[in-house]
Amino acid sequence: MSHYLGALYPAITSLINTKKRTAEAQGIDFALAIKSDFSQLNISPWDLNSLLGNLIENAMEAAIYDKHPRVTIELSHQNGQYVIYIANNGSTIIDKEKIFEPGYTTKGSLSRGYGLFLVKQ
């Protein structure tokens, strides 16, 4: 884990380490690149933890069905903005314009579909 997050956000470090271990136990290749100092990030550790946890979980759930599942996370600072890039090699979402609507899910469960809505908030 990068020194950029370790001391500043111990809960985030714990979350990422836990997700990494879970991914690896499920056979998912998990790559992380932290390319910037996040000490000036204007978000509470609680909100950042919630945001990252939701995005990483979604990526892992989508990737698991691929023959060689992979999740990539990159945290950087570009053009004066902090960028969180999370990708997977799972299937493509067809209704991309709906992903931030409350209750929209690709998982077919009534109790799902609020994570990306909350992330956008």
PDB file of N, CA and C in Angstrom:
ATOM      1  N   MET A   1       0.854  -1.178   0.000  1.00  0.00           N
ATOM      2  CA  MET A   1       0.000   0.000   0.000  1.00  0.00           C
ATOM      3  C   MET A   1       0.895   1.234   0.000  1.00  0.00           C
ATOM      4  N   SER A   2       0.526   2.175  -0.784  1.00  0.00           N
ATOM      5  CA  SER A   2       1.311   3.389  -0.926  1.00  0.00           C
ATOM      6  C   SER A   2       1.330   4.200   0.363  1.00  0.00           C
ATOM      7  N   HIS A   3       2.446   4.878   0.574  1.00  0.00           N
ATOM      8  CA  HIS A   3       2.548   5.770   1.735  1.00  0.00           C
ATOM      9  C   HIS A   3       1.584   6.946   1.608  1.00  0.00           C
ATOM     10  N   TYR A   4       1.076   7.215   0.411  1.00  0.00           N
ATOM     11  CA  TYR A   4       0.147   8.323   0.209  1.00  0.00           C
ATOM     12  C   TYR A   4      -1.151   8.143   0.990  1.00  0.00           C
ATOM     13  N   LEU A   5      -1.597   6.917   1.163  1.00  0.00           N
ATOM     14  CA  LEU A   5      -2.858   6.676   1.863  1.00  0.00           C
ATOM     15  C   LEU A   5      -2.674   6.137   3.266  1.00  0.00           C
ATOM     16  N   GLY A   6      -1.630   5.383   3.492  1.00  0.00           N
ATOM     17  CA  GLY A   6      -1.441   4.648   4.730  1.00  0.00           C
ATOM     18  C   GLY A   6      -1.665   5.430   6.002  1.00  0.00           C
ATOM     19  N   ALA A   7      -0.936   6.501   6.205  1.00  0.00           N
ATOM     20  CA  ALA A   7      -1.039   7.263   7.448  1.00  0.00           C
ATOM     21  C   ALA A   7      -2.264   8.167   7.459  1.00  0.00           C
ATOM     22  N   LEU A   8      -2.621   8.694   6.300  1.00  0.00           N
ATOM     23  CA  LEU A   8      -3.718   9.649   6.226  1.00  0.00           C
ATOM     24  C   LEU A   8      -5.087   8.979   6.331  1.00  0.00           C
ATOM     25  N   TYR A   9      -5.236   7.847   5.692  1.00  0.00           N
ATOM     26  CA  TYR A   9      -6.517   7.151   5.647  1.00  0.00           C
ATOM     27  C   TYR A   9      -6.351   5.682   6.028  1.00  0.00           C
ATOM     28  N   PRO A  10      -6.132   5.371   7.297  1.00  0.00           N
ATOM     29  CA  PRO A  10      -5.947   3.964   7.673  1.00  0.00           C
ATOM     30  C   PRO A  10      -7.167   3.098   7.354  1.00  0.00           C
ATOM     31  N   ALA A  11      -8.366   3.664   7.428  1.00  0.00           N
ATOM     32  CA  ALA A  11      -9.565   2.883   7.104  1.00  0.00           C
ATOM     33  C   ALA A  11      -9.598   2.530   5.622  1.00  0.00           C
ATOM     34  N   ILE A  12      -9.133   3.439   4.773  1.00  0.00           N
ATOM     35  CA  ILE A  12      -9.090   3.182   3.330  1.00  0.00           C
ATOM     36  C   ILE A  12      -8.060   2.102   3.035  1.00  0.00           C
ATOM     37  N   THR A  13      -6.921   2.192   3.693  1.00  0.00           N
ATOM     38  CA  THR A  13      -5.885   1.176   3.529  1.00  0.00           C
ATOM     39  C   THR A  13      -6.430  -0.190   3.917  1.00  0.00           C
ATOM     40  N   SER A  14      -7.141  -0.246   5.025  1.00  0.00           N
ATOM     41  CA  SER A  14      -7.735  -1.497   5.484  1.00  0.00           C
ATOM     42  C   SER A  14      -8.759  -2.017   4.480  1.00  0.00           C
ATOM     43  N   LEU A  15      -9.614  -1.141   3.979  1.00  0.00           N
ATOM     44  CA  LEU A  15     -10.619  -1.533   2.995  1.00  0.00           C
ATOM     45  C   LEU A  15      -9.957  -2.125   1.750  1.00  0.00           C
ATOM     46  N   ILE A  16      -8.977  -1.426   1.204  1.00  0.00           N
ATOM     47  CA  ILE A  16      -8.328  -1.894  -0.023  1.00  0.00           C
ATOM     48  C   ILE A  16      -7.609  -3.212   0.217  1.00  0.00           C
ATOM     49  N   ASN A  17      -6.933  -3.335   1.336  1.00  0.00           N
ATOM     50  CA  ASN A  17      -6.251  -4.602   1.640  1.00  0.00           C
ATOM     51  C   ASN A  17      -7.247  -5.754   1.782  1.00  0.00           C
ATOM     52  N   THR A  18      -8.380  -5.492   2.420  1.00  0.00           N
ATOM     53  CA  THR A  18      -9.409  -6.522   2.578  1.00  0.00           C
ATOM     54  C   THR A  18      -9.998  -6.912   1.231  1.00  0.00           C
ATOM     55  N   LYS A  19     -10.312  -5.926   0.401  1.00  0.00           N
ATOM     56  CA  LYS A  19     -10.859  -6.213  -0.931  1.00  0.00           C
ATOM     57  C   LYS A  19      -9.839  -6.969  -1.779  1.00  0.00           C
ATOM     58  N   LYS A  20      -8.570  -6.610  -1.654  1.00  0.00           N
ATOM     59  CA  LYS A  20      -7.513  -7.302  -2.406  1.00  0.00           C
ATOM     60  C   LYS A  20      -7.450  -8.775  -2.005  1.00  0.00           C
ATOM     61  N   ARG A  21      -7.470  -9.042  -0.699  1.00  0.00           N
ATOM     62  CA  ARG A  21      -7.437 -10.435  -0.232  1.00  0.00           C
ATOM     63  C   ARG A  21      -8.684 -11.204  -0.685  1.00  0.00           C
ATOM     64  N   THR A  22      -9.835 -10.572  -0.612  1.00  0.00           N
ATOM     65  CA  THR A  22     -11.072 -11.214  -1.057  1.00  0.00           C
ATOM     66  C   THR A  22     -11.013 -11.515  -2.550  1.00  0.00           C
ATOM     67  N   ALA A  23     -10.557 -10.548  -3.328  1.00  0.00           N
ATOM     68  CA  ALA A  23     -10.441 -10.744  -4.777  1.00  0.00           C
ATOM     69  C   ALA A  23      -9.504 -11.901  -5.093  1.00  0.00           C
ATOM     70  N   GLU A  24      -8.359 -11.912  -4.462  1.00  0.00           N
ATOM     71  CA  GLU A  24      -7.385 -12.967  -4.726  1.00  0.00           C
ATOM     72  C   GLU A  24      -7.921 -14.334  -4.315  1.00  0.00           C
ATOM     73  N   ALA A  25      -8.690 -14.394  -3.231  1.00  0.00           N
ATOM     74  CA  ALA A  25      -9.290 -15.662  -2.803  1.00  0.00           C
ATOM     75  C   ALA A  25     -10.319 -16.157  -3.819  1.00  0.00           C
ATOM     76  N   GLN A  26     -10.912 -15.231  -4.565  1.00  0.00           N
ATOM     77  CA  GLN A  26     -11.892 -15.581  -5.595  1.00  0.00           C
ATOM     78  C   GLN A  26     -11.242 -15.769  -6.964  1.00  0.00           C
ATOM     79  N   GLY A  27      -9.921 -15.659  -7.025  1.00  0.00           N
ATOM     80  CA  GLY A  27      -9.208 -15.826  -8.288  1.00  0.00           C
ATOM     81  C   GLY A  27      -9.214 -14.594  -9.169  1.00  0.00           C
ATOM     82  N   ILE A  28      -9.474 -13.435  -8.585  1.00  0.00           N
ATOM     83  CA  ILE A  28      -9.497 -12.180  -9.334  1.00  0.00           C
ATOM     84  C   ILE A  28      -8.136 -11.506  -9.199  1.00  0.00           C
ATOM     85  N   ASP A  29      -7.525 -11.175 -10.335  1.00  0.00           N
ATOM     86  CA  ASP A  29      -6.278 -10.412 -10.327  1.00  0.00           C
ATOM     87  C   ASP A  29      -6.627  -8.987  -9.906  1.00  0.00           C
ATOM     88  N   PHE A  30      -5.948  -8.471  -8.899  1.00  0.00           N
ATOM     89  CA  PHE A  30      -6.279  -7.180  -8.300  1.00  0.00           C
ATOM     90  C   PHE A  30      -5.053  -6.284  -8.392  1.00  0.00           C
ATOM     91  N   ALA A  31      -5.144  -5.204  -9.165  1.00  0.00           N
ATOM     92  CA  ALA A  31      -4.013  -4.293  -9.345  1.00  0.00           C
ATOM     93  C   ALA A  31      -4.372  -2.916  -8.796  1.00  0.00           C
ATOM     94  N   LEU A  32      -3.440  -2.322  -8.079  1.00  0.00           N
ATOM     95  CA  LEU A  32      -3.647  -1.011  -7.468  1.00  0.00           C
ATOM     96  C   LEU A  32      -2.465  -0.109  -7.786  1.00  0.00           C
ATOM     97  N   ALA A  33      -2.758   1.115  -8.218  1.00  0.00           N
ATOM     98  CA  ALA A  33      -1.717   2.116  -8.449  1.00  0.00           C
ATOM     99  C   ALA A  33      -2.174   3.424  -7.816  1.00  0.00           C
ATOM    100  N   ILE A  34      -1.424   3.892  -6.837  1.00  0.00           N
ATOM    101  CA  ILE A  34      -1.701   5.182  -6.209  1.00  0.00           C
ATOM    102  C   ILE A  34      -0.606   6.121  -6.677  1.00  0.00           C
ATOM    103  N   LYS A  35      -0.989   7.117  -7.462  1.00  0.00           N
ATOM    104  CA  LYS A  35      -0.022   7.952  -8.157  1.00  0.00           C
ATOM    105  C   LYS A  35       0.028   9.388  -7.652  1.00  0.00           C
ATOM    106  N   SER A  36      -0.561   9.636  -6.500  1.00  0.00           N
ATOM    107  CA  SER A  36      -0.603  11.010  -6.023  1.00  0.00           C
ATOM    108  C   SER A  36      -0.753  11.062  -4.513  1.00  0.00           C
ATOM    109  N   ASP A  37      -0.406  12.202  -3.967  1.00  0.00           N
ATOM    110  CA  ASP A  37      -0.618  12.489  -2.556  1.00  0.00           C
ATOM    111  C   ASP A  37      -2.075  12.931  -2.396  1.00  0.00           C
ATOM    112  N   PHE A  38      -2.810  12.254  -1.550  1.00  0.00           N
ATOM    113  CA  PHE A  38      -4.226  12.549  -1.369  1.00  0.00           C
ATOM    114  C   PHE A  38      -4.500  13.355  -0.101  1.00  0.00           C
ATOM    115  N   SER A  39      -3.499  13.999   0.444  1.00  0.00           N
ATOM    116  CA  SER A  39      -3.674  14.719   1.706  1.00  0.00           C
ATOM    117  C   SER A  39      -4.604  15.923   1.578  1.00  0.00           C
ATOM    118  N   GLN A  40      -4.783  16.445   0.380  1.00  0.00           N
ATOM    119  CA  GLN A  40      -5.652  17.604   0.189  1.00  0.00           C
ATOM    120  C   GLN A  40      -7.031  17.232  -0.366  1.00  0.00           C
ATOM    121  N   LEU A  41      -7.314  15.955  -0.423  1.00  0.00           N
ATOM    122  CA  LEU A  41      -8.599  15.493  -0.942  1.00  0.00           C
ATOM    123  C   LEU A  41      -9.721  15.983  -0.034  1.00  0.00           C
ATOM    124  N   ASN A  42     -10.708  16.632  -0.609  1.00  0.00           N
ATOM    125  CA  ASN A  42     -11.785  17.250   0.160  1.00  0.00           C
ATOM    126  C   ASN A  42     -12.993  16.310   0.268  1.00  0.00           C
ATOM    127  N   ILE A  43     -12.799  15.200   0.986  1.00  0.00           N
ATOM    128  CA  ILE A  43     -13.866  14.241   1.236  1.00  0.00           C
ATOM    129  C   ILE A  43     -13.568  13.572   2.575  1.00  0.00           C
ATOM    130  N   SER A  44     -14.591  13.287   3.324  1.00  0.00           N
ATOM    131  CA  SER A  44     -14.366  12.645   4.619  1.00  0.00           C
ATOM    132  C   SER A  44     -13.891  11.212   4.402  1.00  0.00           C
ATOM    133  N   PRO A  45     -13.079  10.694   5.315  1.00  0.00           N
ATOM    134  CA  PRO A  45     -12.656   9.292   5.199  1.00  0.00           C
ATOM    135  C   PRO A  45     -13.851   8.343   5.110  1.00  0.00           C
ATOM    136  N   TRP A  46     -14.927   8.635   5.832  1.00  0.00           N
ATOM    137  CA  TRP A  46     -16.132   7.800   5.795  1.00  0.00           C
ATOM    138  C   TRP A  46     -16.719   7.759   4.383  1.00  0.00           C
ATOM    139  N   ASP A  47     -16.874   8.938   3.763  1.00  0.00           N
ATOM    140  CA  ASP A  47     -17.442   8.994   2.414  1.00  0.00           C
ATOM    141  C   ASP A  47     -16.519   8.342   1.389  1.00  0.00           C
ATOM    142  N   LEU A  48     -15.217   8.569   1.515  1.00  0.00           N
ATOM    143  CA  LEU A  48     -14.261   7.957   0.596  1.00  0.00           C
ATOM    144  C   LEU A  48     -14.280   6.441   0.740  1.00  0.00           C
ATOM    145  N   ASN A  49     -14.359   5.961   1.960  1.00  0.00           N
ATOM    146  CA  ASN A  49     -14.418   4.520   2.212  1.00  0.00           C
ATOM    147  C   ASN A  49     -15.686   3.919   1.588  1.00  0.00           C
ATOM    148  N   SER A  50     -16.805   4.588   1.751  1.00  0.00           N
ATOM    149  CA  SER A  50     -18.070   4.128   1.184  1.00  0.00           C
ATOM    150  C   SER A  50     -18.010   4.117  -0.340  1.00  0.00           C
ATOM    151  N   LEU A  51     -17.500   5.185  -0.915  1.00  0.00           N
ATOM    152  CA  LEU A  51     -17.387   5.303  -2.364  1.00  0.00           C
ATOM    153  C   LEU A  51     -16.495   4.210  -2.943  1.00  0.00           C
ATOM    154  N   LEU A  52     -15.289   4.078  -2.403  1.00  0.00           N
ATOM    155  CA  LEU A  52     -14.352   3.065  -2.906  1.00  0.00           C
ATOM    156  C   LEU A  52     -14.883   1.651  -2.686  1.00  0.00           C
ATOM    157  N   GLY A  53     -15.445   1.405  -1.518  1.00  0.00           N
ATOM    158  CA  GLY A  53     -15.970   0.077  -1.222  1.00  0.00           C
ATOM    159  C   GLY A  53     -17.034  -0.342  -2.217  1.00  0.00           C
ATOM    160  N   ASN A  54     -17.945   0.576  -2.535  1.00  0.00           N
ATOM    161  CA  ASN A  54     -19.009   0.271  -3.481  1.00  0.00           C
ATOM    162  C   ASN A  54     -18.457   0.024  -4.876  1.00  0.00           C
ATOM    163  N   LEU A  55     -17.576   0.888  -5.344  1.00  0.00           N
ATOM    164  CA  LEU A  55     -17.033   0.743  -6.695  1.00  0.00           C
ATOM    165  C   LEU A  55     -16.187  -0.518  -6.838  1.00  0.00           C
ATOM    166  N   ILE A  56     -15.377  -0.812  -5.834  1.00  0.00           N
ATOM    167  CA  ILE A  56     -14.540  -2.019  -5.891  1.00  0.00           C
ATOM    168  C   ILE A  56     -15.410  -3.270  -5.854  1.00  0.00           C
ATOM    169  N   GLU A  57     -16.418  -3.271  -4.994  1.00  0.00           N
ATOM    170  CA  GLU A  57     -17.316  -4.429  -4.902  1.00  0.00           C
ATOM    171  C   GLU A  57     -18.037  -4.660  -6.225  1.00  0.00           C
ATOM    172  N   ASN A  58     -18.537  -3.591  -6.845  1.00  0.00           N
ATOM    173  CA  ASN A  58     -19.190  -3.722  -8.147  1.00  0.00           C
ATOM    174  C   ASN A  58     -18.229  -4.291  -9.186  1.00  0.00           C
ATOM    175  N   ALA A  59     -17.004  -3.795  -9.196  1.00  0.00           N
ATOM    176  CA  ALA A  59     -16.009  -4.269 -10.164  1.00  0.00           C
ATOM    177  C   ALA A  59     -15.702  -5.746  -9.955  1.00  0.00           C
ATOM    178  N   MET A  60     -15.569  -6.154  -8.705  1.00  0.00           N
ATOM    179  CA  MET A  60     -15.285  -7.561  -8.412  1.00  0.00           C
ATOM    180  C   MET A  60     -16.456  -8.453  -8.815  1.00  0.00           C
ATOM    181  N   GLU A  61     -17.676  -8.017  -8.522  1.00  0.00           N
ATOM    182  CA  GLU A  61     -18.857  -8.805  -8.872  1.00  0.00           C
ATOM    183  C   GLU A  61     -18.992  -8.967 -10.384  1.00  0.00           C
ATOM    184  N   ALA A  62     -18.622  -7.941 -11.143  1.00  0.00           N
ATOM    185  CA  ALA A  62     -18.707  -8.023 -12.602  1.00  0.00           C
ATOM    186  C   ALA A  62     -17.574  -8.865 -13.183  1.00  0.00           C
ATOM    187  N   ALA A  63     -16.393  -8.760 -12.611  1.00  0.00           N
ATOM    188  CA  ALA A  63     -15.214  -9.447 -13.160  1.00  0.00           C
ATOM    189  C   ALA A  63     -15.240 -10.947 -12.926  1.00  0.00           C
ATOM    190  N   ILE A  64     -15.876 -11.391 -11.876  1.00  0.00           N
ATOM    191  CA  ILE A  64     -15.799 -12.794 -11.463  1.00  0.00           C
ATOM    192  C   ILE A  64     -16.265 -13.754 -12.557  1.00  0.00           C
ATOM    193  N   TYR A  65     -17.098 -13.294 -13.464  1.00  0.00           N
ATOM    194  CA  TYR A  65     -17.628 -14.171 -14.510  1.00  0.00           C
ATOM    195  C   TYR A  65     -16.716 -14.285 -15.727  1.00  0.00           C
ATOM    196  N   ASP A  66     -15.645 -13.507 -15.767  1.00  0.00           N
ATOM    197  CA  ASP A  66     -14.697 -13.595 -16.877  1.00  0.00           C
ATOM    198  C   ASP A  66     -13.764 -14.789 -16.667  1.00  0.00           C
ATOM    199  N   LYS A  67     -13.227 -15.310 -17.740  1.00  0.00           N
ATOM    200  CA  LYS A  67     -12.310 -16.451 -17.651  1.00  0.00           C
ATOM    201  C   LYS A  67     -11.056 -16.098 -16.854  1.00  0.00           C
ATOM    202  N   HIS A  68     -10.569 -14.868 -17.019  1.00  0.00           N
ATOM    203  CA  HIS A  68      -9.395 -14.375 -16.289  1.00  0.00           C
ATOM    204  C   HIS A  68      -9.784 -13.054 -15.610  1.00  0.00           C
ATOM    205  N   PRO A  69     -10.526 -13.123 -14.506  1.00  0.00           N
ATOM    206  CA  PRO A  69     -11.054 -11.903 -13.888  1.00  0.00           C
ATOM    207  C   PRO A  69      -9.962 -10.962 -13.395  1.00  0.00           C
ATOM    208  N   ARG A  70     -10.205  -9.664 -13.619  1.00  0.00           N
ATOM    209  CA  ARG A  70      -9.224  -8.650 -13.228  1.00  0.00           C
ATOM    210  C   ARG A  70      -9.951  -7.372 -12.808  1.00  0.00           C
ATOM    211  N   VAL A  71      -9.449  -6.763 -11.734  1.00  0.00           N
ATOM    212  CA  VAL A  71      -9.911  -5.457 -11.278  1.00  0.00           C
ATOM    213  C   VAL A  71      -8.687  -4.559 -11.165  1.00  0.00           C
ATOM    214  N   THR A  72      -8.784  -3.374 -11.745  1.00  0.00           N
ATOM    215  CA  THR A  72      -7.692  -2.407 -11.713  1.00  0.00           C
ATOM    216  C   THR A  72      -8.185  -1.133 -11.040  1.00  0.00           C
ATOM    217  N   ILE A  73      -7.385  -0.632 -10.106  1.00  0.00           N
ATOM    218  CA  ILE A  73      -7.714   0.604  -9.397  1.00  0.00           C
ATOM    219  C   ILE A  73      -6.545   1.559  -9.553  1.00  0.00           C
ATOM    220  N   GLU A  74      -6.850   2.783  -9.938  1.00  0.00           N
ATOM    221  CA  GLU A  74      -5.815   3.815 -10.031  1.00  0.00           C
ATOM    222  C   GLU A  74      -6.340   5.084  -9.373  1.00  0.00           C
ATOM    223  N   LEU A  75      -5.570   5.614  -8.458  1.00  0.00           N
ATOM    224  CA  LEU A  75      -5.895   6.873  -7.793  1.00  0.00           C
ATOM    225  C   LEU A  75      -4.816   7.866  -8.195  1.00  0.00           C
ATOM    226  N   SER A  76      -5.236   8.988  -8.784  1.00  0.00           N
ATOM    227  CA  SER A  76      -4.248   9.949  -9.268  1.00  0.00           C
ATOM    228  C   SER A  76      -4.783  11.370  -9.153  1.00  0.00           C
ATOM    229  N   HIS A  77      -3.939  12.306  -9.518  1.00  0.00           N
ATOM    230  CA  HIS A  77      -4.297  13.721  -9.533  1.00  0.00           C
ATOM    231  C   HIS A  77      -3.954  14.237 -10.920  1.00  0.00           C
ATOM    232  N   GLN A  78      -4.975  14.689 -11.662  1.00  0.00           N
ATOM    233  CA  GLN A  78      -4.774  15.124 -13.040  1.00  0.00           C
ATOM    234  C   GLN A  78      -5.509  16.433 -13.284  1.00  0.00           C
ATOM    235  N   ASN A  79      -4.821  17.385 -13.865  1.00  0.00           N
ATOM    236  CA  ASN A  79      -5.434  18.666 -14.227  1.00  0.00           C
ATOM    237  C   ASN A  79      -6.174  19.314 -13.061  1.00  0.00           C
ATOM    238  N   GLY A  80      -5.572  19.246 -11.878  1.00  0.00           N
ATOM    239  CA  GLY A  80      -6.149  19.880 -10.705  1.00  0.00           C
ATOM    240  C   GLY A  80      -7.287  19.119 -10.044  1.00  0.00           C
ATOM    241  N   GLN A  81      -7.541  17.880 -10.481  1.00  0.00           N
ATOM    242  CA  GLN A  81      -8.616  17.086  -9.894  1.00  0.00           C
ATOM    243  C   GLN A  81      -8.100  15.717  -9.483  1.00  0.00           C
ATOM    244  N   TYR A  82      -8.684  15.200  -8.412  1.00  0.00           N
ATOM    245  CA  TYR A  82      -8.383  13.833  -8.008  1.00  0.00           C
ATOM    246  C   TYR A  82      -9.223  12.892  -8.870  1.00  0.00           C
ATOM    247  N   VAL A  83      -8.602  11.819  -9.326  1.00  0.00           N
ATOM    248  CA  VAL A  83      -9.271  10.876 -10.216  1.00  0.00           C
ATOM    249  C   VAL A  83      -9.222   9.486  -9.592  1.00  0.00           C
ATOM    250  N   ILE A  84     -10.373   8.852  -9.511  1.00  0.00           N
ATOM    251  CA  ILE A  84     -10.477   7.465  -9.059  1.00  0.00           C
ATOM    252  C   ILE A  84     -10.929   6.661 -10.268  1.00  0.00           C
ATOM    253  N   TYR A  85     -10.066   5.768 -10.719  1.00  0.00           N
ATOM    254  CA  TYR A  85     -10.339   4.948 -11.897  1.00  0.00           C
ATOM    255  C   TYR A  85     -10.413   3.501 -11.439  1.00  0.00           C
ATOM    256  N   ILE A  86     -11.568   2.886 -11.615  1.00  0.00           N
ATOM    257  CA  ILE A  86     -11.745   1.480 -11.248  1.00  0.00           C
ATOM    258  C   ILE A  86     -12.327   0.772 -12.462  1.00  0.00           C
ATOM    259  N   ALA A  87     -11.648  -0.277 -12.900  1.00  0.00           N
ATOM    260  CA  ALA A  87     -12.069  -1.002 -14.099  1.00  0.00           C
ATOM    261  C   ALA A  87     -12.063  -2.496 -13.832  1.00  0.00           C
ATOM    262  N   ASN A  88     -12.837  -3.209 -14.639  1.00  0.00           N
ATOM    263  CA  ASN A  88     -12.839  -4.670 -14.594  1.00  0.00           C
ATOM    264  C   ASN A  88     -13.022  -5.182 -16.010  1.00  0.00           C
ATOM    265  N   ASN A  89     -12.796  -6.456 -16.186  1.00  0.00           N
ATOM    266  CA  ASN A  89     -12.962  -7.035 -17.514  1.00  0.00           C
ATOM    267  C   ASN A  89     -14.245  -7.859 -17.608  1.00  0.00           C
ATOM    268  N   GLY A  90     -15.230  -7.487 -16.813  1.00  0.00           N
ATOM    269  CA  GLY A  90     -16.531  -8.146 -16.875  1.00  0.00           C
ATOM    270  C   GLY A  90     -17.329  -7.670 -18.073  1.00  0.00           C
ATOM    271  N   SER A  91     -18.557  -8.109 -18.152  1.00  0.00           N
ATOM    272  CA  SER A  91     -19.402  -7.754 -19.291  1.00  0.00           C
ATOM    273  C   SER A  91     -19.739  -6.264 -19.280  1.00  0.00           C
ATOM    274  N   THR A  92     -20.057  -5.751 -20.449  1.00  0.00           N
ATOM    275  CA  THR A  92     -20.391  -4.342 -20.622  1.00  0.00           C
ATOM    276  C   THR A  92     -21.821  -4.081 -20.164  1.00  0.00           C
ATOM    277  N   ILE A  93     -22.023  -2.962 -19.505  1.00  0.00           N
ATOM    278  CA  ILE A  93     -23.368  -2.558 -19.087  1.00  0.00           C
ATOM    279  C   ILE A  93     -24.049  -1.898 -20.279  1.00  0.00           C
ATOM    280  N   ILE A  94     -25.208  -2.402 -20.646  1.00  0.00           N
ATOM    281  CA  ILE A  94     -25.912  -1.904 -21.826  1.00  0.00           C
ATOM    282  C   ILE A  94     -26.582  -0.557 -21.549  1.00  0.00           C
ATOM    283  N   ASP A  95     -27.275  -0.431 -20.434  1.00  0.00           N
ATOM    284  CA  ASP A  95     -28.025   0.788 -20.108  1.00  0.00           C
ATOM    285  C   ASP A  95     -27.184   1.750 -19.282  1.00  0.00           C
ATOM    286  N   LYS A  96     -26.081   2.231 -19.833  1.00  0.00           N
ATOM    287  CA  LYS A  96     -25.166   3.089 -19.080  1.00  0.00           C
ATOM    288  C   LYS A  96     -25.827   4.358 -18.563  1.00  0.00           C
ATOM    289  N   GLU A  97     -26.805   4.882 -19.289  1.00  0.00           N
ATOM    290  CA  GLU A  97     -27.456   6.117 -18.857  1.00  0.00           C
ATOM    291  C   GLU A  97     -28.303   5.907 -17.602  1.00  0.00           C
ATOM    292  N   LYS A  98     -28.573   4.657 -17.237  1.00  0.00           N
ATOM    293  CA  LYS A  98     -29.414   4.359 -16.075  1.00  0.00           C
ATOM    294  C   LYS A  98     -28.628   3.982 -14.819  1.00  0.00           C
ATOM    295  N   ILE A  99     -27.320   3.819 -14.919  1.00  0.00           N
ATOM    296  CA  ILE A  99     -26.578   3.234 -13.796  1.00  0.00           C
ATOM    297  C   ILE A  99     -26.611   4.060 -12.519  1.00  0.00           C
ATOM    298  N   PHE A 100     -26.887   5.355 -12.622  1.00  0.00           N
ATOM    299  CA  PHE A 100     -26.923   6.191 -11.421  1.00  0.00           C
ATOM    300  C   PHE A 100     -28.349   6.412 -10.903  1.00  0.00           C
ATOM    301  N   GLU A 101     -29.325   5.763 -11.522  1.00  0.00           N
ATOM    302  CA  GLU A 101     -30.707   5.880 -11.053  1.00  0.00           C
ATOM    303  C   GLU A 101     -30.918   4.973  -9.843  1.00  0.00           C
ATOM    304  N   PRO A 102     -31.649   5.466  -8.825  1.00  0.00           N
ATOM    305  CA  PRO A 102     -31.894   4.620  -7.654  1.00  0.00           C
ATOM    306  C   PRO A 102     -32.690   3.377  -8.039  1.00  0.00           C
ATOM    307  N   GLY A 103     -32.207   2.226  -7.597  1.00  0.00           N
ATOM    308  CA  GLY A 103     -32.881   0.965  -7.863  1.00  0.00           C
ATOM    309  C   GLY A 103     -32.428   0.254  -9.121  1.00  0.00           C
ATOM    310  N   TYR A 104     -31.625   0.916  -9.967  1.00  0.00           N
ATOM    311  CA  TYR A 104     -31.152   0.246 -11.186  1.00  0.00           C
ATOM    312  C   TYR A 104     -30.071  -0.767 -10.824  1.00  0.00           C
ATOM    313  N   THR A 105     -30.228  -1.985 -11.302  1.00  0.00           N
ATOM    314  CA  THR A 105     -29.237  -3.021 -11.035  1.00  0.00           C
ATOM    315  C   THR A 105     -29.116  -3.946 -12.232  1.00  0.00           C
ATOM    316  N   THR A 106     -27.950  -4.502 -12.402  1.00  0.00           N
ATOM    317  CA  THR A 106     -27.730  -5.532 -13.419  1.00  0.00           C
ATOM    318  C   THR A 106     -27.752  -6.908 -12.769  1.00  0.00           C
ATOM    319  N   LYS A 107     -27.986  -6.942 -11.469  1.00  0.00           N
ATOM    320  CA  LYS A 107     -27.867  -8.183 -10.714  1.00  0.00           C
ATOM    321  C   LYS A 107     -29.199  -8.882 -10.468  1.00  0.00           C
ATOM    322  N   GLY A 108     -30.307  -8.284 -10.885  1.00  0.00           N
ATOM    323  CA  GLY A 108     -31.597  -8.949 -10.811  1.00  0.00           C
ATOM    324  C   GLY A 108     -32.171  -9.118  -9.419  1.00  0.00           C
ATOM    325  N   SER A 109     -31.790  -8.288  -8.480  1.00  0.00           N
ATOM    326  CA  SER A 109     -32.294  -8.398  -7.116  1.00  0.00           C
ATOM    327  C   SER A 109     -32.958  -7.086  -6.715  1.00  0.00           C
ATOM    328  N   LEU A 110     -34.094  -7.168  -6.062  1.00  0.00           N
ATOM    329  CA  LEU A 110     -34.799  -5.961  -5.635  1.00  0.00           C
ATOM    330  C   LEU A 110     -34.047  -5.186  -4.566  1.00  0.00           C
ATOM    331  N   SER A 111     -33.188  -5.850  -3.826  1.00  0.00           N
ATOM    332  CA  SER A 111     -32.475  -5.176  -2.737  1.00  0.00           C
ATOM    333  C   SER A 111     -31.186  -4.514  -3.218  1.00  0.00           C
ATOM    334  N   ARG A 112     -30.933  -4.512  -4.508  1.00  0.00           N
ATOM    335  CA  ARG A 112     -29.710  -3.941  -5.062  1.00  0.00           C
ATOM    336  C   ARG A 112     -30.048  -2.675  -5.846  1.00  0.00           C
ATOM    337  N   GLY A 113     -29.002  -1.993  -6.330  1.00  0.00           N
ATOM    338  CA  GLY A 113     -29.229  -0.890  -7.245  1.00  0.00           C
ATOM    339  C   GLY A 113     -29.154   0.492  -6.637  1.00  0.00           C
ATOM    340  N   TYR A 114     -28.592   0.593  -5.443  1.00  0.00           N
ATOM    341  CA  TYR A 114     -28.493   1.909  -4.818  1.00  0.00           C
ATOM    342  C   TYR A 114     -27.050   2.373  -4.638  1.00  0.00           C
ATOM    343  N   GLY A 115     -26.091   1.492  -4.858  1.00  0.00           N
ATOM    344  CA  GLY A 115     -24.690   1.829  -4.640  1.00  0.00           C
ATOM    345  C   GLY A 115     -24.187   2.950  -5.523  1.00  0.00           C
ATOM    346  N   LEU A 116     -24.366   2.842  -6.837  1.00  0.00           N
ATOM    347  CA  LEU A 116     -23.880   3.888  -7.737  1.00  0.00           C
ATOM    348  C   LEU A 116     -24.681   5.172  -7.583  1.00  0.00           C
ATOM    349  N   PHE A 117     -25.959   5.050  -7.256  1.00  0.00           N
ATOM    350  CA  PHE A 117     -26.763   6.234  -6.954  1.00  0.00           C
ATOM    351  C   PHE A 117     -26.135   6.995  -5.789  1.00  0.00           C
ATOM    352  N   LEU A 118     -25.751   6.273  -4.735  1.00  0.00           N
ATOM    353  CA  LEU A 118     -25.126   6.906  -3.569  1.00  0.00           C
ATOM    354  C   LEU A 118     -23.730   7.426  -3.889  1.00  0.00           C
ATOM    355  N   VAL A 119     -22.975   6.710  -4.703  1.00  0.00           N
ATOM    356  CA  VAL A 119     -21.640   7.165  -5.106  1.00  0.00           C
ATOM    357  C   VAL A 119     -21.744   8.508  -5.817  1.00  0.00           C
ATOM    358  N   LYS A 120     -22.711   8.647  -6.694  1.00  0.00           N
ATOM    359  CA  LYS A 120     -22.874   9.896  -7.443  1.00  0.00           C
ATOM    360  C   LYS A 120     -23.202  11.066  -6.525  1.00  0.00           C
ATOM    361  N   GLN A 121     -23.941  10.801  -5.446  1.00  0.00           N
ATOM    362  CA  GLN A 121     -24.303  11.863  -4.512  1.00  0.00           C
ATOM    363  C   GLN A 121     -23.050  12.425  -3.887  1.00  0.00           C
TER     364      GLN A 121
END
